[in-house]
């Protein structure tokens, strides 16, 4: 029993490591920022993004961050163009922001796809507390947004 009890399968190790992994989100701080295919200003410019766009940090090298966007694409961005202030982006065609973190709660705002909402906190119940740029706060389903 001693040997068998001490054995941990590779699949169990991956499950344990996966649950301990914390995703590190940032947002674009500048009004516009360029995403590159390599960590250099001389690299190919592949996309221009706007303020508040959430990005998942994948690799950090000196003054550069390799980041993933809501579509899953990877690109490099200058670290100085980023903020630690968190935002989520609406991925559903229309997301209901509700007064309380429940499906039957009153809708206080409807946000269209690609609208950025400031992330305030996770409830741990499938809802995120958010604030729209107009100041309206409420809860949105995690199924309707990316970045939180």
Protein backbone atom coordinates (compact mmCIF):
# COMPACT_ATOMS: atom_id res chain seq x y z
CA UNK A 1 0.00 0.00 0.00
CA UNK A 2 2.91 2.39 0.71
CA UNK A 3 4.16 2.46 -2.88
CA UNK A 4 0.72 2.68 -4.43
CA UNK A 5 -0.40 5.47 -2.08
CA UNK A 6 2.66 7.56 -2.95
CA UNK A 7 2.17 7.28 -6.73
CA UNK A 8 0.77 10.35 -8.48
CA UNK A 9 0.01 10.01 -12.18
CA UNK A 10 1.16 12.62 -14.70
CA UNK A 11 -2.51 13.48 -15.36
CA UNK A 12 -3.02 14.20 -11.65
CA UNK A 13 0.06 16.45 -11.63
CA UNK A 14 -1.29 18.41 -14.60
CA UNK A 15 -4.65 18.82 -12.89
CA UNK A 16 -2.99 20.06 -9.70
CA UNK A 17 -0.73 22.46 -11.64
CA UNK A 18 -3.64 23.70 -13.75
CA UNK A 19 -5.72 24.58 -10.71
CA UNK A 20 -2.81 26.51 -9.20
CA UNK A 21 -2.14 28.50 -12.37
CA UNK A 22 -3.36 32.09 -12.13
CA UNK A 23 -4.07 33.92 -15.37
CA UNK A 24 -2.55 37.40 -15.38
CA UNK A 25 -4.70 39.92 -17.26
CA UNK A 26 -3.72 43.46 -18.14
CA UNK A 27 -5.30 46.10 -20.34
CA UNK A 28 -4.13 48.55 -22.96
CA UNK A 29 -3.50 51.92 -21.28
CA UNK A 30 -2.79 54.04 -24.36
CA UNK A 31 -5.52 55.33 -26.69
CA UNK A 32 -4.05 53.00 -29.32
CA UNK A 33 -1.28 50.44 -29.17
CA UNK A 34 0.49 48.38 -31.81
CA UNK A 35 0.84 44.61 -31.57
CA UNK A 36 3.93 43.11 -33.24
CA UNK A 37 4.97 39.64 -34.37
CA UNK A 38 8.23 39.88 -32.37
CA UNK A 39 9.50 41.89 -29.38
CA UNK A 40 11.00 44.76 -31.40
CA UNK A 41 9.84 48.07 -32.86
CA UNK A 42 11.40 46.84 -36.12
CA UNK A 43 9.18 43.74 -36.16
CA UNK A 44 6.13 43.41 -38.39
CA UNK A 45 3.13 45.39 -37.11
CA UNK A 46 0.19 43.00 -37.10
CA UNK A 47 -2.62 44.81 -35.30
CA UNK A 48 -3.61 48.10 -33.70
CA UNK A 49 -5.74 47.88 -30.57
CA UNK A 50 -7.50 50.47 -28.45
CA UNK A 51 -7.55 51.55 -24.82
CA UNK A 52 -9.06 49.15 -22.25
CA UNK A 53 -8.64 46.05 -24.44
CA UNK A 54 -7.92 43.15 -22.05
CA UNK A 55 -4.92 40.96 -22.77
CA UNK A 56 -3.59 37.85 -21.07
CA UNK A 57 0.14 38.09 -20.32
CA UNK A 58 1.90 34.96 -21.56
CA UNK A 59 5.59 35.98 -21.57
CA UNK A 60 7.34 39.07 -20.16
CA UNK A 61 10.73 40.06 -21.59
CA UNK A 62 12.33 43.33 -20.47
CA UNK A 63 10.13 46.01 -22.07
CA UNK A 64 7.88 43.63 -24.00
CA UNK A 65 4.91 41.38 -23.22
CA UNK A 66 3.71 38.50 -25.36
CA UNK A 67 -0.05 38.58 -24.92
CA UNK A 68 -3.16 36.66 -25.95
CA UNK A 69 -6.33 38.48 -26.96
CA UNK A 70 -9.96 37.34 -26.79
CA UNK A 71 -9.65 35.56 -30.17
CA UNK A 72 -6.69 33.52 -28.90
CA UNK A 73 -4.16 35.31 -31.10
CA UNK A 74 -0.68 35.91 -29.68
CA UNK A 75 1.35 39.06 -30.30
CA UNK A 76 3.98 41.26 -28.69
CA UNK A 77 3.20 44.68 -27.17
CA UNK A 78 5.39 47.22 -25.44
CA UNK A 79 5.05 46.91 -21.66
CA UNK A 80 4.72 50.69 -21.31
CA UNK A 81 1.43 50.55 -23.29
CA UNK A 82 -0.19 48.33 -20.63
CA UNK A 83 -1.99 48.91 -17.36
CA UNK A 84 -2.65 46.55 -14.47
CA UNK A 85 -6.23 47.88 -14.36
CA UNK A 86 -8.45 45.00 -15.46
CA UNK A 87 -11.14 45.04 -18.09
CA UNK A 88 -13.23 42.38 -19.77
CA UNK A 89 -14.51 42.50 -23.34
CA UNK A 90 -17.99 41.39 -24.36
CA UNK A 91 -17.77 38.32 -26.61
CA UNK A 92 -21.52 37.64 -26.88
CA UNK A 93 -23.56 39.55 -29.47
CA UNK A 94 -25.28 41.31 -26.55
CA UNK A 95 -24.49 40.92 -22.85
CA UNK A 96 -26.92 41.84 -20.10
CA UNK A 97 -25.37 43.61 -17.13
CA UNK A 98 -27.65 42.86 -14.19
CA UNK A 99 -28.33 44.50 -10.84
CA UNK A 100 -27.46 41.29 -8.96
CA UNK A 101 -25.38 38.20 -9.87
CA UNK A 102 -28.33 36.07 -10.99
CA UNK A 103 -30.08 35.42 -14.29
CA UNK A 104 -33.44 36.79 -13.13
CA UNK A 105 -32.08 40.10 -11.81
CA UNK A 106 -33.04 43.42 -13.38
CA UNK A 107 -30.98 44.39 -16.44
CA UNK A 108 -29.24 47.75 -15.84
CA UNK A 109 -27.29 47.83 -19.12
CA UNK A 110 -26.94 45.89 -22.34
CA UNK A 111 -23.44 45.88 -23.83
CA UNK A 112 -22.69 44.98 -27.43
CA UNK A 113 -19.91 42.69 -28.61
CA UNK A 114 -16.37 44.14 -28.25
CA UNK A 115 -17.41 46.69 -25.58
CA UNK A 116 -14.87 46.86 -22.75
CA UNK A 117 -16.16 46.81 -19.17
CA UNK A 118 -14.01 47.51 -16.14
CA UNK A 119 -13.55 44.35 -14.04
CA UNK A 120 -14.32 45.07 -10.39
CA UNK A 121 -14.46 41.60 -8.83
CA UNK A 122 -15.31 37.97 -9.46
CA UNK A 123 -18.11 36.43 -7.45
CA UNK A 124 -16.90 32.87 -7.94
CA UNK A 125 -20.42 31.94 -9.06
CA UNK A 126 -20.13 32.56 -12.80
CA UNK A 127 -20.68 36.32 -12.53
CA UNK A 128 -18.29 39.27 -12.60
CA UNK A 129 -18.99 42.68 -11.12
CA UNK A 130 -18.24 45.30 -13.81
CA UNK A 131 -18.48 49.02 -14.47
CA UNK A 132 -19.31 50.59 -17.83
CA UNK A 133 -17.44 53.76 -18.84
CA UNK A 134 -20.68 55.69 -18.18
CA UNK A 135 -20.46 54.67 -14.51
CA UNK A 136 -23.18 52.00 -14.50
CA UNK A 137 -22.16 49.02 -12.35
CA UNK A 138 -23.63 45.54 -12.27
CA UNK A 139 -22.95 41.88 -12.88
CA UNK A 140 -22.30 40.10 -16.16
CA UNK A 141 -22.16 36.37 -16.81
CA UNK A 142 -18.64 35.05 -17.36
CA UNK A 143 -20.04 33.21 -20.42
CA UNK A 144 -20.62 36.59 -22.16
CA UNK A 145 -17.17 38.14 -21.65
CA UNK A 146 -13.46 37.42 -21.91
CA UNK A 147 -10.66 38.62 -19.68
CA UNK A 148 -11.97 37.95 -16.23
